[in-house]
Amino acid sequence: SLEYGESSLEMHTDAVAAGHRVLLVDDLLATGGTMAAAIRLVEQAGGEVAGVAVVVELLDLDARSRLRGYDVFSLVTY
């Protein structure tokens, strides 16, 4: 649920298997909600999140607080 509607994130059931290490990559890290959902999907499938990489991170929205415990790398921060 979002403040302005509903959204969903899906992954093939065979995309990640137990023991797989996964690097999650996105163009923008704002509130961290999408990345947190992606992390949950990978971990529910038995995978391990090796890191999170984004092109742009919006620092004022403090997404890193939602992603504590994960290695987050940003190319550009605003």
Protein backbone atom coordinates (compact mmCIF):
# COMPACT_ATOMS: atom_id res chain seq x y z
CA SER A 1 0.00 0.00 0.00
CA LEU A 2 1.17 3.48 -0.85
CA GLU A 3 -0.14 6.87 0.20
CA TYR A 4 -1.56 7.30 -3.31
CA GLY A 5 -2.59 3.75 -4.21
CA GLU A 6 -1.53 0.12 -4.44
CA SER A 7 1.52 -1.41 -6.07
CA SER A 8 3.03 -4.86 -6.46
CA LEU A 9 6.41 -6.40 -7.11
CA GLU A 10 6.76 -9.90 -8.54
CA MET A 11 9.55 -12.37 -9.21
CA HIS A 12 9.57 -15.75 -10.95
CA THR A 13 9.52 -18.57 -8.40
CA ASP A 14 12.62 -20.10 -9.98
CA ALA A 15 14.58 -16.84 -10.35
CA VAL A 16 16.45 -17.33 -7.07
CA ALA A 17 17.30 -20.59 -5.35
CA ALA A 18 18.59 -21.33 -1.88
CA GLY A 19 22.19 -20.21 -1.55
CA HIS A 20 22.15 -17.78 -4.48
CA ARG A 21 23.81 -14.43 -3.79
CA VAL A 22 21.90 -11.55 -5.41
CA LEU A 23 22.90 -7.97 -6.16
CA LEU A 24 19.78 -5.78 -6.36
CA VAL A 25 20.10 -2.83 -8.76
CA ASP A 26 17.67 0.07 -9.26
CA ASP A 27 17.80 3.50 -10.83
CA LEU A 28 16.49 5.46 -7.84
CA LEU A 29 16.48 4.97 -4.07
CA ALA A 30 13.92 7.29 -2.48
CA THR A 31 12.03 5.94 0.56
CA GLY A 32 13.42 2.41 0.23
CA GLY A 33 10.04 0.70 -0.02
CA THR A 34 10.63 -0.92 -3.40
CA MET A 35 14.09 -2.13 -2.43
CA ALA A 36 12.84 -3.48 0.91
CA ALA A 37 10.16 -5.43 -0.98
CA ALA A 38 12.76 -6.80 -3.41
CA ILE A 39 14.94 -7.87 -0.48
CA ARG A 40 11.98 -9.72 1.07
CA LEU A 41 11.29 -11.54 -2.21
CA VAL A 42 14.91 -12.69 -2.55
CA GLU A 43 15.12 -13.83 1.07
CA GLN A 44 11.77 -15.62 0.96
CA ALA A 45 13.09 -17.58 -2.03
CA GLY A 46 16.13 -18.62 0.03
CA GLY A 47 18.60 -16.22 -1.56
CA GLU A 48 21.09 -13.93 0.15
CA VAL A 49 21.22 -10.23 -0.72
CA ALA A 50 24.89 -9.54 -1.46
CA GLY A 51 24.27 -5.81 -1.85
CA VAL A 52 22.09 -3.00 -3.12
CA ALA A 53 23.27 -0.67 -5.90
CA VAL A 54 21.45 2.41 -7.15
CA VAL A 55 22.24 5.15 -9.63
CA VAL A 56 20.64 8.00 -7.63
CA GLU A 57 19.88 8.17 -3.90
CA LEU A 58 17.69 10.92 -2.41
CA LEU A 59 19.31 11.41 1.01
CA ASP A 60 16.54 13.50 2.62
CA LEU A 61 14.13 10.55 2.42
CA ASP A 62 16.44 8.37 4.61
CA ALA A 63 15.94 5.08 2.78
CA ARG A 64 19.07 3.63 4.40
CA SER A 65 17.23 3.42 7.72
CA ARG A 66 14.86 0.88 6.07
CA LEU A 67 17.80 -1.02 4.60
CA ARG A 68 19.93 -1.40 7.74
CA GLY A 69 22.12 -4.46 7.61
CA TYR A 70 22.52 -4.35 3.83
CA ASP A 71 25.45 -2.94 1.87
CA VAL A 72 24.07 0.01 -0.13
CA PHE A 73 26.08 1.71 -2.90
CA SER A 74 24.97 4.87 -4.71
CA LEU A 75 26.62 6.45 -7.75
CA VAL A 76 25.07 9.88 -7.09
CA THR A 77 23.41 11.32 -3.97
CA TYR A 78 21.14 14.36 -3.72
